[in-house]
Amino acid sequence: MRNPCTHFASFSAIAISFGCFAGCNPKYEARVYNAPKVESQFVRQPPANPEVPARRPGPMMGKSAIPLQDRRILAAAIPEGSVVFFLKSTDTIERLNRVQANFRSVVERFAIDLPNQKLLFDLPEGWSVRWRENDIAKAELNIDVGSDKPVLFTITDLSKPEDQTGWEQYLLSNINRWREQLSLPPIDFAALDQQLPKIEREGASLPSYIFDNTGANSPASGQFAAPTAPAKNASATPSPSGPAAQPMAPPIANQAPVKLVYDKPETWELLPARDFRLASFKILSEGGGEVVVSMAKDSPLQNAKMWSEQVLQSDDEAKIDELANKVLAEAEDISAGDRPGKLLSIRASDEPTSPTLIIASIPTGENEICLFVKMKSELKTSEIEKANLIRFINSIRWE
């Protein structure tokens, strides 16, 4: 299979002027990190509920219109053959209370014929399906709750890892992604079975899982799921020689860890180790921001849409698609050590305080996994720090 990281249209070679950074020659500090070859598998969030704004993680990406204490995610991961179907709704606690009784039965009986756009089971009364064309989400379930807008569940299908370790890792990465949207800490493998009810489906070799959580500090927190386990190594601090050695997920069988080596700019502060990150840094220059290094599976168009959605802080799919395609068309060539990749720049506007993402995607040559380096900041900060980011990426090597 072709590596998705290379599935871009042809792009012109990178042409970055460093003139604007004249006189800025920060010192660099070599760092070494012992990292598993596979950290997590990244999956694009289904398009957002029209009533609920898109996912906007992090301080620069804005907030949902639903207050955190009222926000709830009800979702399911349903493995079926070589794919996983995701059903997901982000809405208020009260509105999802009206549909939760039927949700489990939908998951238990879920069967779908995507090529012919047909559900192979009967929906509960008041539920209906709408098929989407040329979208990441293949369909949506609409539930009449007696208000102006129905509750909406998107239905998305994505490839499933072939081995058991990869599947557990994939499932956990999605659960923690949903938890992040609720400002909840990540959980580890030991807590996975406690957090997610298993749903056995007739004829299925793997169980399905239901995710049901409310936002952090919600009065209903804990009402719908088991108590949250503490984030592993949440208090870990970096050692003098580099980021704390923290496994984000068990390595694939028979694969030895690799050393990820890089040079840290002086204007970046190394942050304590966190799950699902190889390293993360606080930007100290004006405006601040964050740089995160991780490894995950890549799908260029899907990810570009997701990042555009975050930056635009909008649910307008036409605008999201337009920006995502523009971002891919203008992607620059970049390299981490001797590995070529792509650099994407995404911003909502030319205003100095506009939310901005600059993301490098570097193929690792291992099971379609890419190394991601993502800088999240305001536009004015990204213009100051882009040269540092490029030099940082260029310095990355595997040993």
Protein backbone atom coordinates (compact mmCIF):
# COMPACT_ATOMS: atom_id res chain seq x y z
CA MET A 1 0.00 0.00 0.00
CA ARG A 2 1.23 3.48 -0.76
CA ASN A 3 2.22 5.53 2.22
CA PRO A 4 -0.58 8.11 2.73
CA CYS A 5 2.03 10.68 3.68
CA THR A 6 3.22 10.68 0.08
CA HIS A 7 -0.27 10.88 -1.38
CA PHE A 8 -0.03 14.57 -2.20
CA ALA A 9 -0.16 16.23 -5.57
CA SER A 10 3.17 17.45 -6.90
CA PHE A 11 4.41 20.46 -5.08
CA SER A 12 7.09 23.00 -5.83
CA ALA A 13 10.26 22.85 -3.79
CA ILE A 14 10.30 24.79 -0.56
CA ALA A 15 11.20 28.44 -1.00
CA ILE A 16 11.49 30.12 2.36
CA SER A 17 13.30 33.40 2.84
CA PHE A 18 15.21 33.70 6.06
CA GLY A 19 15.89 37.40 5.51
CA CYS A 20 13.17 38.43 7.90
CA PHE A 21 14.90 36.45 10.61
CA ALA A 22 18.26 38.17 10.18
CA GLY A 23 19.95 38.76 13.48
CA CYS A 24 17.97 35.96 15.16
CA ASN A 25 20.41 33.11 15.64
CA PRO A 26 19.26 31.25 18.75
CA LYS A 27 21.36 28.56 20.31
CA TYR A 28 20.23 24.97 19.98
CA GLU A 29 20.36 22.21 22.50
CA ALA A 30 20.56 18.57 21.39
CA ARG A 31 17.91 16.26 22.81
CA VAL A 32 17.48 12.49 22.62
CA TYR A 33 14.23 10.62 23.16
CA ASN A 34 13.70 6.85 23.27
CA ALA A 35 10.40 6.45 21.47
CA PRO A 36 8.31 3.45 20.41
CA LYS A 37 7.98 3.19 16.65
CA VAL A 38 4.22 3.51 16.87
CA GLU A 39 2.55 5.94 19.22
CA SER A 40 -1.07 6.24 18.19
CA GLN A 41 -3.17 6.23 15.07
CA PHE A 42 -4.71 9.53 14.16
CA VAL A 43 -8.30 9.56 12.96
CA ARG A 44 -10.13 12.54 11.59
CA GLN A 45 -13.08 13.60 13.68
CA PRO A 46 -16.39 13.29 11.83
CA PRO A 47 -17.85 16.60 10.61
CA ALA A 48 -19.49 18.42 13.47
CA ASN A 49 -23.12 18.58 14.43
CA PRO A 50 -24.57 21.79 12.86
CA GLU A 51 -25.68 22.75 16.35
CA VAL A 52 -22.30 22.05 17.89
CA PRO A 53 -19.12 23.79 16.72
CA ALA A 54 -16.14 21.80 15.51
CA ARG A 55 -13.48 20.38 17.77
CA ARG A 56 -11.12 23.12 18.87
CA PRO A 57 -8.41 21.72 21.13
CA GLY A 58 -5.91 23.95 22.84
CA PRO A 59 -5.94 27.55 23.96
CA MET A 60 -5.59 29.03 20.46
CA MET A 61 -8.41 27.13 18.81
CA GLY A 62 -11.40 28.68 20.58
CA LYS A 63 -14.20 27.01 22.53
CA SER A 64 -17.40 25.16 21.81
CA ALA A 65 -20.64 27.12 21.96
CA ILE A 66 -21.89 24.52 24.44
CA PRO A 67 -20.48 25.32 27.89
CA LEU A 68 -18.10 22.62 29.05
CA GLN A 69 -20.26 21.74 32.05
CA ASP A 70 -23.22 21.06 29.71
CA ARG A 71 -21.31 19.30 26.94
CA ARG A 72 -21.60 15.57 26.37
CA ILE A 73 -20.26 13.12 23.79
CA LEU A 74 -22.13 9.91 23.08
CA ALA A 75 -20.30 7.71 20.59
CA ALA A 76 -19.53 4.15 19.57
CA ALA A 77 -16.67 2.32 17.86
CA ILE A 78 -18.01 -0.65 15.88
CA PRO A 79 -15.35 -2.91 14.27
CA GLU A 80 -16.60 -4.73 11.19
CA GLY A 81 -14.14 -6.72 9.07
CA SER A 82 -11.34 -4.45 7.88
CA VAL A 83 -13.03 -1.19 8.93
CA VAL A 84 -14.33 0.52 12.04
CA PHE A 85 -17.58 2.44 12.01
CA PHE A 86 -17.77 5.43 14.33
CA LEU A 87 -21.11 6.82 15.48
CA LYS A 88 -20.72 10.11 17.32
CA SER A 89 -22.78 12.99 18.64
CA THR A 90 -21.62 16.04 20.60
CA ASP A 91 -24.56 17.83 22.17
CA THR A 92 -25.97 18.93 25.50
CA ILE A 93 -26.48 16.50 28.36
CA GLU A 94 -30.22 17.08 28.37
CA ARG A 95 -30.71 16.49 24.61
CA LEU A 96 -28.65 13.30 24.60
CA ASN A 97 -30.62 12.05 27.60
CA ARG A 98 -33.57 11.78 25.22
CA VAL A 99 -31.79 9.41 22.82
CA GLN A 100 -29.47 7.36 25.02
CA ALA A 101 -32.06 4.65 25.72
CA ASN A 102 -32.17 3.67 22.03
CA PHE A 103 -28.47 4.22 21.29
CA ARG A 104 -27.31 0.91 22.75
CA SER A 105 -29.84 -1.06 20.68
CA VAL A 106 -28.64 0.76 17.53
CA VAL A 107 -25.06 -0.25 18.29
CA GLU A 108 -26.06 -3.86 19.05
CA ARG A 109 -27.93 -4.21 15.73
CA PHE A 110 -25.76 -1.96 13.58
CA ALA A 111 -25.23 -3.25 10.04
CA ILE A 112 -24.74 -1.18 6.91
CA ASP A 113 -24.32 -1.60 3.15
CA LEU A 114 -22.26 1.45 2.23
CA PRO A 115 -22.01 0.91 -1.56
CA ASN A 116 -25.80 0.79 -1.82
CA GLN A 117 -26.36 3.38 0.92
CA LYS A 118 -28.60 1.13 2.95
CA LEU A 119 -28.95 0.39 6.65
CA LEU A 120 -29.50 -3.31 7.29
CA PHE A 121 -31.48 -2.85 10.49
CA ASP A 122 -34.56 -0.94 11.55
CA LEU A 123 -34.08 2.40 13.24
CA PRO A 124 -36.05 3.27 16.39
CA GLU A 125 -39.11 5.45 16.05
CA GLY A 126 -38.19 9.07 15.39
CA TRP A 127 -34.76 8.16 13.96
CA SER A 128 -33.91 8.69 10.28
CA VAL A 129 -30.81 8.44 8.09
CA ARG A 130 -29.40 10.96 5.63
CA TRP A 131 -26.61 9.89 3.28
CA ARG A 132 -23.76 12.27 2.55
CA GLU A 133 -21.93 12.60 -0.73
CA ASN A 134 -18.16 13.21 -1.01
CA ASP A 135 -17.70 13.57 2.72
CA ILE A 136 -15.62 11.90 5.41
CA ALA A 137 -18.83 11.01 7.22
CA LYS A 138 -20.80 8.67 5.00
CA ALA A 139 -24.14 9.29 6.66
CA GLU A 140 -25.86 10.84 9.62
CA LEU A 141 -28.61 9.67 11.92
CA ASN A 142 -31.16 12.34 12.86
CA ILE A 143 -33.34 11.93 15.94
CA ASP A 144 -36.43 14.02 16.52
CA VAL A 145 -36.31 15.31 20.10
CA GLY A 146 -39.19 17.75 19.75
CA SER A 147 -37.06 20.86 19.34
CA ASP A 148 -36.05 22.99 16.36
CA LYS A 149 -33.08 20.80 15.48
CA PRO A 150 -32.71 17.03 15.75
CA VAL A 151 -29.90 15.31 17.59
CA LEU A 152 -27.36 14.21 15.00
CA PHE A 153 -24.98 11.22 14.95
CA THR A 154 -22.41 11.05 12.18
CA ILE A 155 -21.46 7.66 10.72
CA THR A 156 -17.83 7.41 9.60
CA ASP A 157 -15.88 4.38 8.38
CA LEU A 158 -12.10 4.12 8.69
CA SER A 159 -9.57 1.34 8.20
CA LYS A 160 -8.98 -0.94 11.17
CA PRO A 161 -5.50 -2.14 12.21
CA GLU A 162 -4.98 -5.80 11.40
CA ASP A 163 -3.36 -7.01 14.63
CA GLN A 164 -4.79 -6.96 18.16
CA THR A 165 -2.13 -4.63 19.57
CA GLY A 166 -2.74 -2.14 16.79
CA TRP A 167 -6.50 -2.33 17.33
CA GLU A 168 -6.25 -1.64 21.09
CA GLN A 169 -3.89 1.23 20.43
CA TYR A 170 -6.19 2.62 17.74
CA LEU A 171 -9.22 2.40 20.01
CA LEU A 172 -7.43 4.09 22.90
CA SER A 173 -6.21 6.96 20.72
CA ASN A 174 -9.78 7.71 19.62
CA ILE A 175 -11.15 7.52 23.15
CA ASN A 176 -8.52 9.94 24.40
CA ARG A 177 -9.21 12.25 21.46
CA TRP A 178 -12.86 12.39 22.50
CA ARG A 179 -11.84 12.90 26.12
CA GLU A 180 -9.66 15.82 25.07
CA GLN A 181 -12.71 17.45 23.47
CA LEU A 182 -14.32 17.35 26.92
CA SER A 183 -11.16 18.64 28.67
CA LEU A 184 -10.76 15.28 30.40
CA PRO A 185 -7.34 13.72 31.00
CA PRO A 186 -6.28 10.72 28.90
CA ILE A 187 -6.70 7.19 30.19
CA ASP A 188 -4.34 4.26 29.78
CA PHE A 189 -4.84 0.67 28.67
CA ALA A 190 -5.56 -0.54 32.20
CA ALA A 191 -8.54 1.83 32.47
CA LEU A 192 -9.92 1.13 29.00
CA ASP A 193 -12.24 -1.74 29.96
CA GLN A 194 -13.48 0.20 32.98
CA GLN A 195 -14.28 3.27 30.91
CA LEU A 196 -16.02 1.71 27.93
CA PRO A 197 -18.96 -0.71 28.05
CA LYS A 198 -18.43 -3.60 25.62
CA ILE A 199 -21.27 -4.44 23.26
CA GLU A 200 -21.25 -7.90 21.69
CA ARG A 201 -22.70 -8.03 18.19
CA GLU A 202 -23.93 -11.20 16.54
CA GLY A 203 -21.35 -12.56 14.11
CA ALA A 204 -18.70 -9.95 15.02
CA SER A 205 -15.24 -11.17 16.05
CA LEU A 206 -14.57 -8.05 18.14
CA PRO A 207 -16.93 -6.24 20.50
CA SER A 208 -18.12 -2.71 19.95
CA TYR A 209 -17.56 0.00 22.53
CA ILE A 210 -19.72 2.86 23.75
CA PHE A 211 -18.21 6.15 24.89
CA ASP A 212 -20.40 8.39 27.04
CA ASN A 213 -18.82 11.26 28.94
CA THR A 214 -19.59 14.83 29.94
CA GLY A 215 -17.28 17.83 30.12
CA ALA A 216 -14.82 18.31 32.94
CA ASN A 217 -16.38 19.71 36.14
CA SER A 218 -19.88 18.94 34.88
CA PRO A 219 -22.44 18.24 37.63
CA ALA A 220 -23.24 15.05 35.69
CA SER A 221 -19.59 13.98 35.46
CA GLY A 222 -19.30 10.29 36.27
CA GLN A 223 -23.02 9.72 35.80
CA PHE A 224 -22.61 8.03 32.44
CA ALA A 225 -19.20 6.32 32.76
CA ALA A 226 -16.82 4.89 35.31
CA PRO A 227 -14.57 7.30 37.21
CA THR A 228 -11.62 8.59 35.28
CA ALA A 229 -8.22 7.01 35.89
CA PRO A 230 -5.34 9.42 36.42
CA ALA A 231 -3.25 10.24 33.36
CA LYS A 232 -0.16 8.09 33.30
CA ASN A 233 3.00 9.98 34.22
CA ALA A 234 0.98 13.18 34.43
CA SER A 235 3.53 14.69 36.78
CA ALA A 236 6.60 13.52 34.90
CA THR A 237 9.32 16.13 34.43
CA PRO A 238 12.01 16.26 31.75
CA SER A 239 15.49 15.10 32.61
CA PRO A 240 18.52 17.26 31.90
CA SER A 241 19.36 15.15 28.85
CA GLY A 242 15.97 15.44 27.17
CA PRO A 243 12.25 14.60 27.38
CA ALA A 244 11.24 12.03 29.95
CA ALA A 245 11.20 8.52 28.51
CA GLN A 246 7.49 7.77 28.50
CA PRO A 247 5.84 5.08 26.37
CA MET A 248 2.73 6.42 24.68
CA ALA A 249 1.60 2.93 23.70
CA PRO A 250 3.18 -0.51 23.73
CA PRO A 251 5.46 -1.01 20.70
CA ILE A 252 4.36 -3.47 18.05
CA ALA A 253 5.64 -6.97 18.79
CA ASN A 254 9.31 -7.61 17.99
CA GLN A 255 10.00 -3.94 17.25
CA ALA A 256 12.78 -2.27 19.22
CA PRO A 257 12.49 1.38 20.27
CA VAL A 258 14.26 4.00 18.22
CA LYS A 259 16.00 7.16 19.35
CA LEU A 260 14.51 10.40 18.14
CA VAL A 261 17.19 13.09 18.26
CA TYR A 262 16.62 16.80 17.70
CA ASP A 263 18.03 20.26 18.43
CA LYS A 264 15.79 22.44 20.60
CA PRO A 265 15.64 26.20 19.90
CA GLU A 266 16.53 28.42 22.83
CA THR A 267 13.15 30.18 22.58
CA TRP A 268 11.29 26.94 23.31
CA GLU A 269 10.77 25.45 26.75
CA LEU A 270 10.55 21.67 27.05
CA LEU A 271 7.33 20.61 28.77
CA PRO A 272 6.77 17.58 31.01
CA ALA A 273 6.09 14.26 29.28
CA ARG A 274 2.50 13.53 28.30
CA ASP A 275 0.72 10.53 26.86
CA PHE A 276 0.62 10.38 23.07
CA ARG A 277 3.42 12.94 22.62
CA LEU A 278 7.05 12.27 21.82
CA ALA A 279 7.86 15.77 22.98
CA SER A 280 6.12 19.11 23.50
CA PHE A 281 7.39 22.65 23.93
CA LYS A 282 6.09 26.00 25.11
CA ILE A 283 6.97 28.91 22.81
CA LEU A 284 8.45 31.73 24.88
CA SER A 285 8.42 34.48 22.24
CA GLU A 286 5.68 37.13 22.03
CA GLY A 287 2.19 35.68 21.79
CA GLY A 288 3.24 32.25 23.02
CA GLY A 289 2.08 28.94 21.62
CA GLU A 290 2.94 25.26 21.61
CA VAL A 291 4.90 22.77 19.51
CA VAL A 292 3.97 19.09 19.70
CA VAL A 293 5.83 16.09 18.24
CA SER A 294 3.86 12.87 17.79
CA MET A 295 3.57 9.82 15.54
CA ALA A 296 0.35 8.67 13.94
CA LYS A 297 -1.26 7.40 10.76
CA ASP A 298 -1.87 10.08 8.16
CA SER A 299 -4.52 10.84 5.58
CA PRO A 300 -3.57 14.18 4.02
CA LEU A 301 -6.97 15.44 2.85
CA GLN A 302 -8.83 14.26 5.93
CA ASN A 303 -6.30 15.80 8.28
CA ALA A 304 -6.16 19.04 6.29
CA LYS A 305 -9.94 19.31 6.64
CA MET A 306 -9.79 18.67 10.37
CA TRP A 307 -7.04 21.25 10.93
CA SER A 308 -8.86 23.78 8.73
CA GLU A 309 -12.01 23.20 10.77
CA GLN A 310 -10.08 23.93 13.97
CA VAL A 311 -8.52 27.12 12.63
CA LEU A 312 -11.67 28.49 11.00
CA GLN A 313 -13.75 27.76 14.11
CA SER A 314 -16.65 27.12 11.75
CA ASP A 315 -18.93 24.27 10.70
CA ASP A 316 -19.26 25.56 7.13
CA GLU A 317 -18.14 22.52 5.13
CA ALA A 318 -17.69 24.53 1.92
CA LYS A 319 -15.26 26.89 3.66
CA ILE A 320 -13.46 24.01 5.34
CA ASP A 321 -13.06 22.14 2.03
CA GLU A 322 -11.87 25.28 0.25
CA LEU A 323 -9.21 26.02 2.86
CA ALA A 324 -8.09 22.37 3.11
CA ASN A 325 -7.56 22.08 -0.64
CA LYS A 326 -5.71 25.41 -0.69
CA VAL A 327 -3.47 24.26 2.16
CA LEU A 328 -2.56 21.03 0.35
CA ALA A 329 -1.93 22.83 -2.94
CA GLU A 330 0.45 25.25 -1.22
CA ALA A 331 2.26 22.63 0.90
CA GLU A 332 6.04 23.03 1.03
CA ASP A 333 8.72 20.36 0.86
CA ILE A 334 10.65 19.81 4.05
CA SER A 335 12.88 17.13 5.55
CA ALA A 336 13.61 15.66 8.95
CA GLY A 337 17.14 14.37 8.69
CA ASP A 338 17.17 12.40 5.44
CA ARG A 339 13.40 11.83 5.37
CA PRO A 340 11.36 14.07 3.04
CA GLY A 341 7.94 15.33 4.03
CA LYS A 342 5.46 18.16 3.69
CA LEU A 343 4.87 21.39 5.61
CA LEU A 344 1.32 22.77 5.80
CA SER A 345 0.47 26.30 6.91
CA ILE A 346 -3.12 27.02 7.98
CA ARG A 347 -4.57 30.31 9.19
CA ALA A 348 -8.03 31.80 9.37
CA SER A 349 -7.07 35.31 8.26
CA ASP A 350 -4.18 37.75 7.95
CA GLU A 351 -4.92 39.35 11.31
CA PRO A 352 -1.88 39.19 13.65
CA THR A 353 -3.89 37.33 16.30
CA SER A 354 -5.47 34.87 13.86
CA PRO A 355 -5.24 31.22 15.07
CA THR A 356 -2.54 29.50 13.01
CA LEU A 357 -1.23 25.97 12.61
CA ILE A 358 2.01 24.96 10.91
CA ILE A 359 2.30 21.20 10.60
CA ALA A 360 5.03 18.96 9.22
CA SER A 361 4.21 15.41 8.15
CA ILE A 362 7.26 13.14 7.80
CA PRO A 363 6.92 9.48 6.70
CA THR A 364 8.72 7.08 9.04
CA GLY A 365 8.69 4.22 6.56
CA GLU A 366 6.92 2.04 9.11
CA ASN A 367 3.34 0.84 8.56
CA GLU A 368 2.08 4.13 7.09
CA ILE A 369 3.06 5.96 10.26
CA CYS A 370 4.14 9.60 10.03
CA LEU A 371 6.00 11.86 12.40
CA PHE A 372 3.98 15.03 12.99
CA VAL A 373 5.41 18.31 14.24
CA LYS A 374 2.64 20.81 14.91
CA MET A 375 3.07 24.43 15.95
CA LYS A 376 -0.06 26.10 17.30
CA SER A 377 0.04 29.85 17.85
CA GLU A 378 -1.20 33.22 16.68
CA LEU A 379 -0.15 34.35 13.19
CA LYS A 380 2.30 36.95 14.52
CA THR A 381 4.07 34.29 16.60
CA SER A 382 4.19 31.81 13.74
CA GLU A 383 5.92 34.40 11.57
CA ILE A 384 8.58 34.88 14.25
CA GLU A 385 9.02 31.17 15.01
CA LYS A 386 8.68 29.54 11.59
CA ALA A 387 12.43 29.61 10.94
CA ASN A 388 13.05 27.97 14.32
CA LEU A 389 10.41 25.36 13.52
CA ILE A 390 12.01 24.53 10.18
CA ARG A 391 15.46 24.23 11.70
CA PHE A 392 14.05 22.05 14.45
CA ILE A 393 12.39 19.74 11.92
CA ASN A 394 15.54 19.61 9.78
CA SER A 395 17.51 18.56 12.87
CA ILE A 396 15.31 15.53 13.64
CA ARG A 397 16.96 12.17 13.04
CA TRP A 398 16.38 8.58 14.05
CA GLU A 399 19.20 6.60 15.67
